[in-house]
Amino acid sequence: MEEQQGQSHPAVAHCYRHPDRETGISCVRCDRPICPECMIPASVGFQCPECVRSGSGTGHAPGAQRPRTLAGGTVAADPRLVTKVLLGINLALFVAVLAVGDRLVGELSMVGYAYDPGPGVLDWVGVADGEWYRLLTSAFLHQEVWHVGFNMLALWWLGPQLEAALGRWRYLALYLLSALGGSTLAYLLAEQNQASLGASGAIYGLFGATAVLMRRMNYDMRPILVLLAINLFITFRFSGISWEAHIGGLVTGAVIAYAMVHAPRERRTLVQYGTCAVVLLAVVVACAVRTAQLVG
């Protein structure tokens, strides 16, 4: 038998936070081994939770820059935090609607311009009457269990990936502007006394943003395109659905996401926040024009 000499097997590394778990991945900043549970995606490789929280490393990589997401946002230790907060707000308002009833819906839902048959007097209500907050508050209201259930399921499925890729503040801007975009198109095109509510405009914005992100990453787009096609079929096939809010949110989300992930690095902040500002300005102008039509 031949005797093998001079050969040694490298020791298997174990996660520094979970010593019982073997791993072949190390934090790109402190070089300590980390298991899949501890891996936080960075622009290059993965980082450990301690380096992400500290923002300045652990002493192994002095002067290292804080890690950035694909869109230039700060990598967070919990890439689902904003999604969880949005879920909580939607669910809290749903419980409030169940407790208070139609009064809360009447005060916060999306209405263009309509008479409110109050006790003993008729009064105008709606966005055209100065209640601009309805454009946003309506996007957090739900009345039926199936409605809030489907929307929150979609938010939980789409949100964390986008939040991790964009960063918290960019993701929050995407969500809120998509909601406003959906409400604005409904304000422009729907009947002035037609009430609407639900997070669908914002959710469709996440659909559009996910498609843009997957295209940017060269991922297989068939799953998201099939899911989007099914939802659009439902939107136009069944009555009682505000297709205006869905399409407005979808287009707004796609536009903002494109600016987020395709902005040139040297002008990233200007392009990203400039696009958000232009979208917000377009919302204000469109609403002002529609208001002038209704009250004039």
Protein backbone atom coordinates (compact mmCIF):
# COMPACT_ATOMS: atom_id res chain seq x y z
CA MET A 1 0.00 0.00 0.00
CA GLU A 2 1.15 3.46 -0.78
CA GLU A 3 1.55 5.67 2.22
CA GLN A 4 0.19 9.15 1.83
CA GLN A 5 2.23 11.77 3.56
CA GLY A 6 2.13 15.52 3.76
CA GLN A 7 -1.63 15.70 3.21
CA SER A 8 -3.91 17.39 5.73
CA HIS A 9 -7.60 18.05 5.68
CA PRO A 10 -8.65 21.61 6.43
CA ALA A 11 -10.69 22.03 9.57
CA VAL A 12 -14.37 22.69 9.04
CA ALA A 13 -15.39 26.15 10.21
CA HIS A 14 -18.31 26.66 12.57
CA CYS A 15 -20.55 29.71 12.87
CA TYR A 16 -19.24 32.01 15.58
CA ARG A 17 -22.82 32.66 16.78
CA HIS A 18 -23.97 29.02 16.46
CA PRO A 19 -20.93 26.80 17.19
CA ASP A 20 -22.88 23.62 16.39
CA ARG A 21 -23.38 24.63 12.74
CA GLU A 22 -20.77 24.02 10.07
CA THR A 23 -20.32 26.64 7.36
CA GLY A 24 -18.09 27.64 4.50
CA ILE A 25 -19.14 31.30 4.43
CA SER A 26 -17.42 34.13 6.27
CA CYS A 27 -18.41 37.72 6.93
CA VAL A 28 -16.76 39.95 4.31
CA ARG A 29 -15.93 42.56 6.94
CA CYS A 30 -14.72 40.70 10.03
CA ASP A 31 -13.96 37.35 8.31
CA ARG A 32 -15.70 35.33 11.01
CA PRO A 33 -17.62 32.23 9.82
CA ILE A 34 -21.41 32.61 9.68
CA CYS A 35 -24.23 30.15 9.05
CA PRO A 36 -27.20 30.80 6.71
CA GLU A 37 -29.30 32.17 9.58
CA CYS A 38 -26.67 34.84 10.30
CA MET A 39 -25.94 35.79 6.68
CA ILE A 40 -27.11 39.29 5.74
CA PRO A 41 -26.74 40.05 2.02
CA ALA A 42 -24.42 42.91 1.12
CA SER A 43 -23.48 44.42 -2.22
CA VAL A 44 -20.71 41.81 -2.29
CA GLY A 45 -20.96 38.62 -0.25
CA PHE A 46 -22.54 38.38 3.20
CA GLN A 47 -22.04 40.08 6.52
CA CYS A 48 -22.72 39.08 10.11
CA PRO A 49 -25.40 40.79 12.23
CA GLU A 50 -22.86 42.46 14.52
CA CYS A 51 -21.03 44.19 11.66
CA VAL A 52 -24.31 45.36 10.16
CA ARG A 53 -25.54 46.74 13.50
CA SER A 54 -22.28 48.48 14.32
CA GLY A 55 -21.87 49.98 10.86
CA SER A 56 -18.13 50.23 11.45
CA GLY A 57 -16.96 46.65 11.71
CA THR A 58 -15.52 44.83 14.69
CA GLY A 59 -11.95 45.97 14.48
CA HIS A 60 -10.94 43.45 11.83
CA ALA A 61 -11.70 45.83 9.00
CA PRO A 62 -10.92 49.37 10.13
CA GLY A 63 -12.26 52.11 7.90
CA ALA A 64 -14.62 49.78 6.03
CA GLN A 65 -17.67 51.50 4.58
CA ARG A 66 -21.14 50.63 5.74
CA PRO A 67 -22.57 47.95 3.43
CA ARG A 68 -25.07 49.03 0.79
CA THR A 69 -27.94 47.31 -0.95
CA LEU A 70 -28.32 46.97 -4.70
CA ALA A 71 -30.07 50.35 -4.81
CA GLY A 72 -27.57 52.03 -2.50
CA GLY A 73 -29.58 51.78 0.71
CA THR A 74 -28.10 50.78 4.05
CA VAL A 75 -28.13 47.06 4.76
CA ALA A 76 -30.28 46.44 7.85
CA ALA A 77 -30.02 43.66 10.37
CA ASP A 78 -33.75 42.98 9.95
CA PRO A 79 -34.69 43.30 6.24
CA ARG A 80 -38.37 42.82 7.08
CA LEU A 81 -38.88 45.61 9.60
CA VAL A 82 -40.75 48.08 7.36
CA THR A 83 -42.86 45.25 5.92
CA LYS A 84 -43.80 44.19 9.45
CA VAL A 85 -44.75 47.76 10.37
CA LEU A 86 -46.92 48.11 7.25
CA LEU A 87 -48.58 44.80 8.02
CA GLY A 88 -49.24 45.95 11.56
CA ILE A 89 -50.82 49.24 10.46
CA ASN A 90 -53.09 47.50 7.96
CA LEU A 91 -54.19 44.88 10.46
CA ALA A 92 -54.69 47.43 13.25
CA LEU A 93 -56.96 49.53 11.03
CA PHE A 94 -58.85 46.40 9.97
CA VAL A 95 -59.55 45.62 13.61
CA ALA A 96 -60.58 49.25 14.14
CA VAL A 97 -63.01 49.02 11.21
CA LEU A 98 -64.54 45.90 12.71
CA ALA A 99 -64.91 47.65 16.06
CA VAL A 100 -66.15 51.06 14.86
CA GLY A 101 -68.02 50.03 11.73
CA ASP A 102 -68.83 52.01 8.62
CA ARG A 103 -68.17 55.39 10.22
CA LEU A 104 -64.40 54.94 10.03
CA VAL A 105 -64.64 53.70 6.45
CA GLY A 106 -66.72 56.74 5.50
CA GLU A 107 -64.16 59.09 7.02
CA LEU A 108 -60.99 57.53 5.57
CA SER A 109 -61.92 55.77 2.32
CA MET A 110 -61.09 57.14 -1.13
CA VAL A 111 -63.95 59.35 -2.36
CA GLY A 112 -63.62 62.01 -5.02
CA TYR A 113 -66.56 64.33 -4.32
CA ALA A 114 -69.91 63.28 -2.90
CA TYR A 115 -72.77 64.26 -0.62
CA ASP A 116 -72.64 62.90 2.89
CA PRO A 117 -76.16 62.43 4.25
CA GLY A 118 -75.30 63.43 7.78
CA PRO A 119 -77.85 63.89 10.57
CA GLY A 120 -80.15 66.72 9.50
CA VAL A 121 -77.84 68.19 6.84
CA LEU A 122 -76.18 67.28 3.55
CA ASP A 123 -72.50 68.09 3.33
CA TRP A 124 -69.80 67.62 0.69
CA VAL A 125 -66.99 65.18 1.43
CA GLY A 126 -64.06 63.79 -0.51
CA VAL A 127 -60.67 64.71 -1.89
CA ALA A 128 -62.14 67.61 -3.86
CA ASP A 129 -63.51 69.04 -0.60
CA GLY A 130 -59.96 69.34 0.78
CA GLU A 131 -59.74 65.87 2.34
CA TRP A 132 -56.53 64.97 0.51
CA TYR A 133 -55.54 62.55 3.26
CA ARG A 134 -58.05 60.07 1.80
CA LEU A 135 -55.59 59.38 -1.03
CA LEU A 136 -53.32 57.66 1.49
CA THR A 137 -55.54 56.56 4.37
CA SER A 138 -57.74 54.55 1.99
CA ALA A 139 -54.71 52.42 1.12
CA PHE A 140 -54.62 51.07 4.69
CA LEU A 141 -58.34 50.29 5.03
CA HIS A 142 -60.06 46.93 4.54
CA GLN A 143 -63.54 45.70 5.37
CA GLU A 144 -63.54 42.01 4.42
CA VAL A 145 -61.32 39.28 5.83
CA TRP A 146 -60.53 37.88 2.37
CA HIS A 147 -59.52 41.35 1.15
CA VAL A 148 -57.06 42.11 3.93
CA GLY A 149 -55.89 38.47 3.89
CA PHE A 150 -54.93 38.42 0.21
CA ASN A 151 -53.30 41.85 0.35
CA MET A 152 -51.26 41.08 3.45
CA LEU A 153 -50.19 37.72 2.06
CA ALA A 154 -48.93 39.47 -1.08
CA LEU A 155 -47.21 42.13 1.04
CA TRP A 156 -45.41 39.49 3.11
CA TRP A 157 -44.40 37.57 -0.03
CA LEU A 158 -43.14 40.54 -2.05
CA GLY A 159 -42.11 43.06 0.59
CA PRO A 160 -39.05 41.53 2.31
CA GLN A 161 -37.20 40.88 -0.96
CA LEU A 162 -37.76 44.45 -2.11
CA GLU A 163 -36.90 45.87 1.30
CA ALA A 164 -33.63 43.93 1.32
CA ALA A 165 -32.76 45.03 -2.23
CA LEU A 166 -33.72 48.71 -1.91
CA GLY A 167 -33.15 49.51 1.74
CA ARG A 168 -35.78 50.63 4.24
CA TRP A 169 -36.36 54.24 3.21
CA ARG A 170 -36.36 53.58 -0.52
CA TYR A 171 -38.73 50.67 -0.02
CA LEU A 172 -41.06 52.78 2.12
CA ALA A 173 -41.05 55.53 -0.53
CA LEU A 174 -41.90 52.92 -3.18
CA TYR A 175 -44.82 51.59 -1.14
CA LEU A 176 -46.36 54.94 -0.22
CA LEU A 177 -45.95 56.49 -3.66
CA SER A 178 -47.47 53.39 -5.28
CA ALA A 179 -50.45 53.76 -2.95
CA LEU A 180 -50.76 57.44 -3.89
CA GLY A 181 -50.38 56.63 -7.58
CA GLY A 182 -53.21 54.15 -7.41
CA SER A 183 -55.50 56.51 -5.51
CA THR A 184 -54.70 59.36 -7.89
CA LEU A 185 -55.64 57.41 -11.02
CA ALA A 186 -58.87 56.35 -9.31
CA TYR A 187 -59.55 60.00 -8.44
CA LEU A 188 -58.99 60.99 -12.07
CA LEU A 189 -60.95 58.26 -13.84
CA ALA A 190 -63.49 56.72 -11.47
CA GLU A 191 -66.91 58.17 -10.69
CA GLN A 192 -66.58 61.06 -8.28
CA ASN A 193 -68.88 59.47 -5.70
CA GLN A 194 -67.39 55.99 -5.99
CA ALA A 195 -65.75 54.93 -2.73
CA SER A 196 -62.75 52.63 -2.77
CA LEU A 197 -60.35 51.28 -0.18
CA GLY A 198 -57.62 48.69 0.22
CA ALA A 199 -53.86 48.27 -0.13
CA SER A 200 -54.15 46.86 -3.65
CA GLY A 201 -52.64 49.94 -5.31
CA ALA A 202 -49.53 49.66 -3.15
CA ILE A 203 -49.41 45.88 -3.63
CA TYR A 204 -49.56 46.26 -7.40
CA GLY A 205 -46.70 48.74 -7.05
CA LEU A 206 -44.72 45.96 -5.37
CA PHE A 207 -45.62 43.64 -8.25
CA GLY A 208 -44.25 46.14 -10.75
CA ALA A 209 -41.14 46.75 -8.67
CA THR A 210 -40.50 43.01 -8.29
CA ALA A 211 -40.68 42.53 -12.06
CA VAL A 212 -38.19 45.37 -12.58
CA LEU A 213 -35.85 43.99 -9.91
CA MET A 214 -35.96 40.45 -11.32
CA ARG A 215 -35.20 41.81 -14.78
CA ARG A 216 -32.30 43.78 -13.35
CA MET A 217 -30.91 40.66 -11.65
CA ASN A 218 -31.47 38.47 -14.74
CA TYR A 219 -33.75 36.12 -12.80
CA ASP A 220 -36.43 33.96 -14.36
CA MET A 221 -39.36 36.36 -14.67
CA ARG A 222 -42.01 33.80 -15.54
CA PRO A 223 -43.29 33.27 -11.97
CA ILE A 224 -43.91 36.98 -11.31
CA LEU A 225 -45.34 37.57 -14.80
CA VAL A 226 -47.76 34.66 -14.45
CA LEU A 227 -48.86 35.86 -11.01
CA LEU A 228 -49.28 39.40 -12.29
CA ALA A 229 -51.28 38.19 -15.29
CA ILE A 230 -53.63 36.24 -13.01
CA ASN A 231 -54.18 39.29 -10.83
CA LEU A 232 -54.80 41.55 -13.81
CA PHE A 233 -57.31 39.03 -15.18
CA ILE A 234 -59.17 39.13 -11.86
CA THR A 235 -58.97 42.93 -11.86
CA PHE A 236 -60.72 43.31 -15.23
CA ARG A 237 -62.90 40.21 -15.10
CA PHE A 238 -64.88 40.90 -11.93
CA SER A 239 -66.91 43.94 -11.01
CA GLY A 240 -66.49 45.94 -7.83
CA ILE A 241 -62.70 46.16 -8.23
CA SER A 242 -60.99 49.51 -8.72
CA TRP A 243 -58.88 48.73 -11.77
CA GLU A 244 -57.75 52.35 -11.78
CA ALA A 245 -56.04 51.92 -8.40
CA HIS A 246 -54.40 48.68 -9.53
CA ILE A 247 -53.01 50.10 -12.76
CA GLY A 248 -51.97 53.37 -11.14
CA GLY A 249 -50.06 51.53 -8.44
CA LEU A 250 -48.48 49.11 -10.92
CA VAL A 251 -47.15 51.85 -13.20
CA THR A 252 -45.95 54.00 -10.30
CA GLY A 253 -44.13 51.09 -8.65
CA ALA A 254 -42.43 50.05 -11.88
CA VAL A 255 -41.26 53.60 -12.64
CA ILE A 256 -39.83 54.19 -9.17
CA ALA A 257 -38.18 50.77 -9.00
CA TYR A 258 -36.55 51.31 -12.39
CA ALA A 259 -35.03 54.55 -11.13
CA MET A 260 -33.94 52.84 -7.91
CA VAL A 261 -32.07 49.90 -9.45
CA HIS A 262 -30.83 51.46 -12.69
CA ALA A 263 -29.60 54.82 -11.40
CA PRO A 264 -25.92 55.36 -12.23
CA ARG A 265 -23.77 55.05 -9.14
CA GLU A 266 -22.27 58.53 -9.42
CA ARG A 267 -25.73 60.16 -9.55
CA ARG A 268 -27.70 57.56 -7.66
CA THR A 269 -29.22 59.76 -4.96
CA LEU A 270 -30.15 62.51 -7.39
CA VAL A 271 -31.87 60.11 -9.81
CA GLN A 272 -33.67 58.10 -7.13
CA TYR A 273 -35.02 60.92 -5.01
CA GLY A 274 -35.52 63.09 -8.06
CA THR A 275 -37.77 60.44 -9.57
CA CYS A 276 -39.75 60.17 -6.33
CA ALA A 277 -40.13 63.95 -6.25
CA VAL A 278 -41.34 64.03 -9.87
CA VAL A 279 -43.88 61.28 -9.17
CA LEU A 280 -45.14 63.12 -6.09
CA LEU A 281 -45.37 66.35 -8.08
CA ALA A 282 -47.35 64.55 -10.79
CA VAL A 283 -49.75 63.29 -8.11
CA VAL A 284 -50.25 66.81 -6.74
CA VAL A 285 -50.79 68.35 -10.19
CA ALA A 286 -53.20 65.61 -11.32
CA CYS A 287 -55.23 65.92 -8.13
CA ALA A 288 -55.30 69.71 -8.40
CA VAL A 289 -56.59 69.51 -11.99
CA ARG A 290 -59.26 66.96 -11.07
CA THR A 291 -60.32 69.02 -8.07
CA ALA A 292 -60.72 72.09 -10.25
CA GLN A 293 -62.92 70.06 -12.61
CA LEU A 294 -65.17 68.82 -9.83
CA VAL A 295 -65.66 71.99 -7.83
CA GLY A 296 -65.58 74.39 -10.79
